[in-house]
């Protein structure tokens, strides 16, 4: 249902491809601007933290934002469903603007200690906990069910663009005027995102989906009902299990693991850059192919198969002897992981009823962005003790278990995306 005071004019005609829909393109531009701002502010925070203290304490500052994000993520999903995802996303971007411009002023006028930077990280992590579930709830409200595969492909392209552009623009801003300039530039991008989001139209929920009892429930009852909703629906329950196990297997090797592997093989920072670029190119190709094609048949089966192929490729990464081969394998990992991730998002949005989209998105985000990163220190310590090969193989086995769980679930194996017609 449209929120009071927020109009919900009709969306594009049925059958209009998402990449030709001005409403979708406004959302995509807002999302991309927000992603670039995210990358810029984190780079600026990293630079400021390392200048303000030793590397160990600087690392704690950078990790501080993960704590409120993990703790508050499920609550963010409840807010998105109770007050509407657009209100929450707009409020989040507005808060980001205020925090970024305040941080820019602080760094321009003083030399803040690590405690001040930690506060900034904590505030941003809390905002992320509200922002991410709301973003996940928006796509089904801005396009038709048959375009969700294409929209998630476009979202994947935006993630790649945001990561590359944010890093390069953030580095340039820091080199030109220091972290304060980078924070101010990030705040400006969040303001652009805010303006674009204000112009995005949302489809109203169907009358049967309004759920008068759900609207009157307390937030805690909303949360427990959302968790029961996932458990009762076989496709969602299986898909959440696959996401949780698959992300736990992939997270360590594809983040801290790649850095340690490059150091172990003597490939250095340049070699690491090539491997990461290979992964990014593969993930970008997957997003582009899904954007062009729009839909894959047997999406549930394809998602689990891609996850399984990705697990094999992750294990292979630790055995290839030369850098060019490692780059090629990383591209394969990016390709199949890109397909798997986009299909996960499209399937979640396809099978979830409108009033539960925020809470379902929050659970998925909690597994991928809240819990999976906890494996980083364990992965690093294990590689330090035993080397990259056994750790990469063990992590790949965990990811492969996620794929097998998906293949063993008939409801997920048969799950389809909505037809484009």
Protein backbone atom coordinates (compact mmCIF):
# COMPACT_ATOMS: atom_id res chain seq x y z
CA UNK A 1 0.00 0.00 0.00
CA UNK A 2 1.27 3.45 -0.76
CA UNK A 3 2.39 5.29 2.34
CA UNK A 4 0.29 8.28 3.36
CA UNK A 5 1.38 11.38 1.55
CA UNK A 6 3.38 9.41 -1.03
CA UNK A 7 1.72 8.97 -4.37
CA UNK A 8 1.98 5.69 -6.26
CA UNK A 9 1.13 6.39 -9.91
CA UNK A 10 0.95 3.48 -12.32
CA UNK A 11 4.23 1.90 -13.29
CA UNK A 12 5.41 1.19 -16.84
CA UNK A 13 3.17 -0.90 -19.13
CA UNK A 14 3.49 -4.68 -18.64
CA UNK A 15 6.20 -6.18 -20.82
CA UNK A 16 8.39 -3.07 -20.97
CA UNK A 17 12.00 -4.25 -20.42
CA UNK A 18 13.55 -2.96 -17.22
CA UNK A 19 16.47 -1.39 -19.07
CA UNK A 20 14.02 0.80 -21.01
CA UNK A 21 11.92 1.80 -18.01
CA UNK A 22 12.72 5.35 -16.85
CA UNK A 23 11.49 4.53 -13.34
CA UNK A 24 13.89 1.58 -13.05
CA UNK A 25 16.74 3.65 -14.49
CA UNK A 26 16.16 6.36 -11.87
CA UNK A 27 16.39 3.70 -9.16
CA UNK A 28 19.50 2.24 -10.78
CA UNK A 29 21.19 5.65 -10.97
CA UNK A 30 20.34 6.31 -7.31
CA UNK A 31 21.67 2.91 -6.29
CA UNK A 32 24.89 3.42 -8.29
CA UNK A 33 25.49 6.87 -6.78
CA UNK A 34 25.00 5.40 -3.32
CA UNK A 35 27.46 2.57 -4.04
CA UNK A 36 30.12 4.99 -5.28
CA UNK A 37 29.62 7.07 -2.15
CA UNK A 38 29.95 3.92 -0.02
CA UNK A 39 33.29 3.03 -1.61
CA UNK A 40 34.60 6.60 -1.31
CA UNK A 41 33.75 7.04 2.36
CA UNK A 42 35.23 3.68 3.33
CA UNK A 43 38.48 4.46 1.51
CA UNK A 44 38.62 7.87 3.21
CA UNK A 45 37.92 6.27 6.61
CA UNK A 46 40.69 3.71 6.00
CA UNK A 47 43.18 6.46 5.15
CA UNK A 48 42.22 8.63 8.10
CA UNK A 49 42.31 5.69 10.53
CA UNK A 50 45.78 4.52 9.47
CA UNK A 51 47.08 8.07 9.84
CA UNK A 52 45.53 8.46 13.30
CA UNK A 53 46.84 5.25 14.89
CA UNK A 54 48.75 2.00 14.45
CA UNK A 55 47.49 -0.59 11.90
CA UNK A 56 45.99 -2.85 14.57
CA UNK A 57 43.80 -0.18 16.12
CA UNK A 58 42.98 1.22 12.67
CA UNK A 59 41.69 -2.24 11.74
CA UNK A 60 39.38 -2.17 14.74
CA UNK A 61 37.97 1.16 13.55
CA UNK A 62 37.26 -0.29 10.10
CA UNK A 63 35.62 -3.35 11.65
CA UNK A 64 33.46 -1.24 13.99
CA UNK A 65 30.82 -0.62 11.34
CA UNK A 66 30.17 -4.36 10.99
CA UNK A 67 28.92 -4.67 14.59
CA UNK A 68 25.73 -2.54 14.40
CA UNK A 69 25.12 -3.79 10.86
CA UNK A 70 25.02 -7.41 12.06
CA UNK A 71 23.11 -6.67 15.30
CA UNK A 72 20.47 -4.37 13.78
CA UNK A 73 19.97 -5.94 10.33
CA UNK A 74 16.83 -7.91 11.19
CA UNK A 75 15.32 -4.83 12.79
CA UNK A 76 16.00 -2.94 9.58
CA UNK A 77 13.87 -5.45 7.71
CA UNK A 78 11.00 -4.92 10.14
CA UNK A 79 11.20 -1.15 9.61
CA UNK A 80 11.17 -1.56 5.83
CA UNK A 81 7.98 -3.62 5.99
CA UNK A 82 6.24 -1.44 8.59
CA UNK A 83 6.96 1.98 7.09
CA UNK A 84 7.66 1.21 3.43
CA UNK A 85 11.05 0.62 1.76
CA UNK A 86 11.23 3.96 -0.03
CA UNK A 87 10.76 5.97 3.16
CA UNK A 88 13.50 3.94 4.84
CA UNK A 89 15.92 4.22 1.91
CA UNK A 90 15.35 7.97 1.60
CA UNK A 91 15.76 8.45 5.35
CA UNK A 92 18.97 6.37 5.24
CA UNK A 93 20.46 8.44 2.43
CA UNK A 94 19.52 11.64 4.26
CA UNK A 95 21.28 10.37 7.38
CA UNK A 96 24.32 9.43 5.31
CA UNK A 97 24.48 12.95 3.93
CA UNK A 98 24.42 14.46 7.42
CA UNK A 99 27.05 12.04 8.75
CA UNK A 100 29.36 12.52 5.76
CA UNK A 101 29.24 16.31 5.78
CA UNK A 102 29.72 16.34 9.56
CA UNK A 103 32.73 14.04 9.17
CA UNK A 104 34.13 16.25 6.41
CA UNK A 105 33.84 19.31 8.63
CA UNK A 106 35.41 17.45 11.57
CA UNK A 107 38.43 16.36 9.53
CA UNK A 108 38.80 19.77 7.91
CA UNK A 109 38.79 21.66 11.22
CA UNK A 110 40.53 19.21 13.57
CA UNK A 111 42.67 16.10 13.66
CA UNK A 112 40.24 13.58 15.17
CA UNK A 113 41.43 10.59 17.16
CA UNK A 114 40.50 7.00 16.44
CA UNK A 115 37.50 7.24 18.79
CA UNK A 116 35.85 9.88 16.59
CA UNK A 117 36.45 7.81 13.46
CA UNK A 118 35.04 4.75 15.26
CA UNK A 119 31.87 6.71 16.03
CA UNK A 120 31.52 7.57 12.34
CA UNK A 121 31.96 3.90 11.43
CA UNK A 122 29.39 2.83 14.04
CA UNK A 123 26.83 5.36 12.80
CA UNK A 124 27.32 4.29 9.22
CA UNK A 125 27.01 0.62 10.16
CA UNK A 126 23.71 1.33 11.92
CA UNK A 127 22.42 3.15 8.83
CA UNK A 128 23.51 0.24 6.63
CA UNK A 129 21.49 -2.15 8.81
CA UNK A 130 18.37 -0.17 7.90
CA UNK A 131 19.33 0.66 4.31
CA UNK A 132 20.21 -2.82 2.98
CA UNK A 133 16.89 -4.61 3.71
CA UNK A 134 14.94 -1.67 2.28
CA UNK A 135 17.01 -1.73 -0.92
CA UNK A 136 16.29 -5.45 -1.26
CA UNK A 137 12.55 -4.80 -0.90
CA UNK A 138 12.36 -2.15 -3.62
CA UNK A 139 12.81 -4.07 -6.94
CA UNK A 140 9.45 -5.93 -6.92
CA UNK A 141 7.71 -2.61 -6.31
CA UNK A 142 9.31 -0.78 -9.27
CA UNK A 143 9.05 -3.33 -12.07
CA UNK A 144 7.01 -6.35 -13.11
CA UNK A 145 7.71 -9.90 -11.87
CA UNK A 146 9.01 -10.93 -15.29
CA UNK A 147 11.76 -8.29 -15.16
CA UNK A 148 13.31 -9.20 -11.81
CA UNK A 149 16.05 -11.30 -13.38
CA UNK A 150 17.03 -8.46 -15.70
CA UNK A 151 16.86 -5.89 -12.88
CA UNK A 152 19.14 -7.99 -10.68
CA UNK A 153 21.57 -8.25 -13.57
CA UNK A 154 21.53 -4.46 -13.85
CA UNK A 155 22.06 -4.25 -10.09
CA UNK A 156 25.12 -6.46 -10.43
CA UNK A 157 26.57 -4.13 -13.07
CA UNK A 158 25.95 -1.19 -10.73
CA UNK A 159 27.86 -2.98 -7.96
CA UNK A 160 30.86 -3.45 -10.26
CA UNK A 161 30.73 0.17 -11.44
CA UNK A 162 30.32 1.45 -7.89
CA UNK A 163 33.29 -0.53 -6.62
CA UNK A 164 35.68 0.55 -9.39
CA UNK A 165 34.52 4.16 -9.68
CA UNK A 166 34.29 4.66 -5.91
CA UNK A 167 37.82 3.39 -5.33
CA UNK A 168 39.34 5.55 -8.07
CA UNK A 169 37.34 8.69 -7.21
CA UNK A 170 37.96 8.20 -3.50
CA UNK A 171 41.69 7.82 -4.07
CA UNK A 172 41.77 10.94 -6.21
CA UNK A 173 39.80 12.94 -3.62
CA UNK A 174 42.09 11.84 -0.78
CA UNK A 175 45.20 12.60 -2.82
CA UNK A 176 43.84 16.02 -3.81
CA UNK A 177 42.39 17.35 -0.56
CA UNK A 178 42.64 14.62 2.06
CA UNK A 179 39.92 12.52 3.70
CA UNK A 180 37.70 15.55 4.38
CA UNK A 181 37.29 16.16 0.64
CA UNK A 182 36.48 12.48 0.07
CA UNK A 183 33.86 12.54 2.85
CA UNK A 184 32.29 15.68 1.35
CA UNK A 185 32.23 14.08 -2.12
CA UNK A 186 30.57 10.96 -0.68
CA UNK A 187 27.98 13.15 1.03
CA UNK A 188 27.26 14.88 -2.28
CA UNK A 189 26.71 11.50 -3.97
CA UNK A 190 24.29 10.45 -1.23
CA UNK A 191 22.43 13.72 -1.82
CA UNK A 192 22.19 12.88 -5.55
CA UNK A 193 20.91 9.43 -4.66
CA UNK A 194 18.35 10.99 -2.34
CA UNK A 195 17.01 13.28 -5.08
CA UNK A 196 16.71 10.41 -7.57
CA UNK A 197 14.99 8.12 -5.08
CA UNK A 198 12.41 10.81 -4.33
CA UNK A 199 11.34 10.57 -7.99
CA UNK A 200 11.02 6.76 -8.05
CA UNK A 201 7.44 5.48 -8.19
CA UNK A 202 6.37 2.38 -6.26
CA UNK A 203 3.52 0.07 -7.14
CA UNK A 204 0.96 -0.33 -4.33
CA UNK A 205 0.67 -3.71 -2.65
CA UNK A 206 -2.34 -5.78 -3.73
CA UNK A 207 -5.31 -5.36 -1.36
CA UNK A 208 -5.05 -9.01 -0.25
CA UNK A 209 -1.44 -8.44 0.81
CA UNK A 210 -2.02 -5.52 3.12
CA UNK A 211 -2.34 -7.65 6.24
CA UNK A 212 -4.27 -5.55 8.75
CA UNK A 213 -3.17 -7.83 11.60
CA UNK A 214 0.48 -7.57 10.51
CA UNK A 215 0.27 -3.78 10.41
CA UNK A 216 -1.06 -3.66 13.96
CA UNK A 217 1.53 -6.09 15.36
CA UNK A 218 4.44 -5.01 17.51
CA UNK A 219 7.89 -4.89 15.88
CA UNK A 220 8.94 -8.02 17.77
CA UNK A 221 5.88 -9.90 16.50
CA UNK A 222 6.65 -8.64 13.01
CA UNK A 223 10.15 -10.08 13.27
CA UNK A 224 9.06 -13.48 14.57
CA UNK A 225 6.31 -13.67 11.96
CA UNK A 226 8.85 -12.90 9.25
CA UNK A 227 11.11 -15.72 10.43
CA UNK A 228 8.14 -18.10 10.54
CA UNK A 229 7.20 -16.98 7.04
CA UNK A 230 10.63 -18.02 5.74
CA UNK A 231 10.52 -21.35 7.59
CA UNK A 232 7.03 -22.21 6.27
CA UNK A 233 7.91 -21.64 2.60
CA UNK A 234 10.06 -24.41 1.24
CA UNK A 235 11.72 -22.39 -1.51
CA UNK A 236 12.66 -19.56 0.85
CA UNK A 237 13.85 -21.88 3.62
CA UNK A 238 16.06 -23.81 1.20
CA UNK A 239 17.36 -20.67 -0.48
CA UNK A 240 18.29 -19.06 2.85
CA UNK A 241 20.20 -22.20 3.80
CA UNK A 242 22.06 -22.15 0.50
CA UNK A 243 22.91 -18.46 0.93
CA UNK A 244 24.14 -18.96 4.50
CA UNK A 245 26.36 -21.97 3.73
CA UNK A 246 27.55 -20.73 0.34
CA UNK A 247 28.54 -17.30 1.62
CA UNK A 248 30.35 -18.84 4.57
CA UNK A 249 32.43 -20.90 2.14
CA UNK A 250 33.17 -18.10 -0.33
CA UNK A 251 33.70 -15.13 2.01
CA UNK A 252 37.10 -15.99 3.49
CA UNK A 253 38.94 -17.14 0.33
CA UNK A 254 37.60 -14.37 -1.89
CA UNK A 255 38.51 -11.60 0.55
CA UNK A 256 41.44 -12.08 2.92
CA UNK A 257 42.36 -15.38 1.24
CA UNK A 258 43.25 -13.85 -2.12
CA UNK A 259 45.59 -11.34 -0.47
CA UNK A 260 47.42 -14.07 1.44
CA UNK A 261 47.53 -16.36 -1.60
CA UNK A 262 49.15 -13.63 -3.71
CA UNK A 263 51.72 -13.03 -0.97
CA UNK A 264 52.43 -16.76 -0.60
CA UNK A 265 53.03 -17.16 -4.34
CA UNK A 266 55.12 -14.00 -4.62
CA UNK A 267 52.71 -12.32 -7.03
CA UNK A 268 52.63 -9.15 -4.94
CA UNK A 269 50.09 -6.33 -4.96
CA UNK A 270 50.09 -6.15 -8.75
CA UNK A 271 49.25 -9.84 -9.02
CA UNK A 272 46.49 -9.46 -6.46
CA UNK A 273 45.10 -6.58 -8.52
CA UNK A 274 45.00 -8.75 -11.64
CA UNK A 275 43.23 -11.58 -9.79
CA UNK A 276 40.63 -9.21 -8.33
CA UNK A 277 40.17 -7.67 -11.76
CA UNK A 278 39.61 -11.12 -13.25
CA UNK A 279 36.96 -11.84 -10.65
CA UNK A 280 35.32 -8.48 -11.31
CA UNK A 281 35.32 -9.04 -15.07
CA UNK A 282 33.65 -12.43 -14.66
CA UNK A 283 31.02 -11.07 -12.27
CA UNK A 284 30.37 -8.13 -14.59
CA UNK A 285 29.95 -10.48 -17.56
CA UNK A 286 27.40 -12.54 -15.62
CA UNK A 287 25.42 -9.42 -14.73
CA UNK A 288 25.52 -8.19 -18.34
CA UNK A 289 24.36 -11.54 -19.72
CA UNK A 290 21.46 -11.69 -17.28
CA UNK A 291 20.57 -8.08 -18.10
CA UNK A 292 20.44 -8.88 -21.82
CA UNK A 293 18.71 -12.25 -21.49
CA UNK A 294 16.40 -11.21 -18.68
CA UNK A 295 15.55 -14.71 -17.49
CA UNK A 296 17.11 -18.16 -17.16
CA UNK A 297 14.95 -21.31 -17.20
CA UNK A 298 15.15 -23.54 -14.13
CA UNK A 299 16.54 -20.67 -12.11
CA UNK A 300 16.67 -22.62 -8.84
CA UNK A 301 18.60 -25.47 -10.43
CA UNK A 302 20.90 -23.04 -12.26
CA UNK A 303 21.65 -21.17 -9.02
CA UNK A 304 22.77 -24.30 -7.18
CA UNK A 305 24.79 -25.56 -10.18
CA UNK A 306 26.59 -22.20 -10.47
CA UNK A 307 27.38 -22.33 -6.76
CA UNK A 308 28.83 -25.82 -7.17
CA UNK A 309 31.01 -24.84 -10.14
CA UNK A 310 32.18 -21.79 -8.19
CA UNK A 311 33.19 -24.01 -5.27
CA UNK A 312 35.34 -26.18 -7.54
CA UNK A 313 36.94 -23.08 -9.07
CA UNK A 314 37.74 -21.62 -5.62
CA UNK A 315 39.58 -24.83 -4.69
CA UNK A 316 41.43 -24.76 -8.01
CA UNK A 317 42.66 -21.22 -7.30
CA UNK A 318 45.04 -22.51 -4.66
CA UNK A 319 46.65 -25.03 -7.04
CA UNK A 320 47.29 -23.02 -10.23
CA UNK A 321 51.03 -22.31 -10.45
CA UNK A 322 51.08 -19.18 -12.62
CA UNK A 323 49.44 -15.78 -12.30
CA UNK A 324 47.70 -15.79 -15.74
CA UNK A 325 46.01 -19.10 -14.87
CA UNK A 326 44.94 -17.72 -11.49
CA UNK A 327 43.41 -14.68 -13.21
CA UNK A 328 41.50 -16.95 -15.60
CA UNK A 329 40.19 -19.13 -12.76
CA UNK A 330 39.20 -16.01 -10.80
CA UNK A 331 37.21 -14.87 -13.84
CA UNK A 332 35.35 -18.20 -13.82
CA UNK A 333 34.64 -17.79 -10.10
CA UNK A 334 33.32 -14.29 -10.75
CA UNK A 335 31.15 -15.47 -13.64
CA UNK A 336 29.41 -18.30 -11.81
CA UNK A 337 29.26 -16.42 -8.49
CA UNK A 338 27.73 -13.47 -10.33
CA UNK A 339 25.02 -15.69 -11.81
CA UNK A 340 24.43 -17.41 -8.47
CA UNK A 341 24.09 -14.12 -6.57
CA UNK A 342 21.82 -12.47 -9.12
CA UNK A 343 19.58 -15.53 -9.33
CA UNK A 344 19.39 -15.67 -5.54
CA UNK A 345 18.19 -12.07 -5.43
CA UNK A 346 15.68 -12.56 -8.25
CA UNK A 347 14.28 -15.76 -6.73
CA UNK A 348 13.89 -14.18 -3.29
CA UNK A 349 12.03 -11.23 -4.78
CA UNK A 350 9.88 -13.49 -6.97
CA UNK A 351 8.64 -15.89 -4.31
CA UNK A 352 8.30 -13.44 -1.40
CA UNK A 353 4.98 -11.66 -0.84
CA UNK A 354 5.15 -7.88 -0.71
CA UNK A 355 4.56 -7.33 3.04
CA UNK A 356 7.51 -9.60 3.89
CA UNK A 357 10.11 -8.36 1.41
CA UNK A 358 12.02 -6.23 3.92
CA UNK A 359 12.29 -8.98 6.52
CA UNK A 360 13.27 -11.64 3.98
CA UNK A 361 15.89 -9.29 2.51
CA UNK A 362 17.24 -8.57 5.98
CA UNK A 363 17.81 -12.26 6.72
CA UNK A 364 19.63 -12.75 3.41
CA UNK A 365 21.76 -9.66 4.04
CA UNK A 366 22.52 -10.81 7.58
CA UNK A 367 23.96 -14.08 6.29
CA UNK A 368 25.98 -12.51 3.48
CA UNK A 369 27.10 -9.21 5.04
CA UNK A 370 26.81 -9.82 8.76
CA UNK A 371 27.79 -13.40 9.54
CA UNK A 372 29.97 -14.50 6.62
CA UNK A 373 32.64 -11.78 7.24
CA UNK A 374 33.21 -13.31 10.67
CA UNK A 375 35.16 -16.02 8.83
CA UNK A 376 37.87 -13.52 7.76
CA UNK A 377 40.09 -13.75 10.85
CA UNK A 378 39.66 -17.53 10.99
CA UNK A 379 40.64 -17.84 7.32
CA UNK A 380 43.66 -15.61 7.81
CA UNK A 381 44.86 -17.54 10.86
CA UNK A 382 44.34 -20.90 9.16
CA UNK A 383 46.30 -19.86 6.04
CA UNK A 384 49.08 -18.57 8.28
CA UNK A 385 49.25 -21.94 10.05
CA UNK A 386 48.73 -24.39 7.18
CA UNK A 387 49.06 -22.48 3.93
CA UNK A 388 46.49 -21.56 1.30
CA UNK A 389 45.75 -24.95 -0.28
CA UNK A 390 44.05 -26.80 2.59
CA UNK A 391 42.12 -23.70 3.63
CA UNK A 392 40.87 -22.98 0.12
CA UNK A 393 39.86 -26.63 -0.30
CA UNK A 394 38.04 -26.68 3.06
CA UNK A 395 36.23 -23.44 2.25
CA UNK A 396 35.30 -24.76 -1.20
CA UNK A 397 33.88 -27.89 0.45
CA UNK A 398 31.63 -25.69 2.61
CA UNK A 399 30.40 -23.80 -0.48
CA UNK A 400 29.89 -27.10 -2.31
CA UNK A 401 27.78 -28.31 0.63
CA UNK A 402 25.56 -25.29 0.07
CA UNK A 403 25.16 -26.25 -3.58
CA UNK A 404 24.31 -29.86 -2.65
CA UNK A 405 21.71 -28.67 -0.15
CA UNK A 406 20.11 -26.63 -2.92
CA UNK A 407 20.11 -29.58 -5.32
CA UNK A 408 18.62 -31.81 -2.61
CA UNK A 409 15.66 -29.45 -2.07
CA UNK A 410 12.98 -30.27 -4.69
CA UNK A 411 11.10 -26.99 -4.19
CA UNK A 412 14.21 -24.89 -4.87
CA UNK A 413 15.40 -27.16 -7.68
CA UNK A 414 12.09 -26.58 -9.49
CA UNK A 415 11.82 -22.85 -8.69
CA UNK A 416 11.38 -20.55 -11.67
CA UNK A 417 11.50 -16.82 -12.28
CA UNK A 418 8.31 -15.22 -13.56
CA UNK A 419 7.87 -15.21 -17.30
CA UNK A 420 8.61 -11.93 -19.10
CA UNK A 421 5.31 -11.88 -20.92
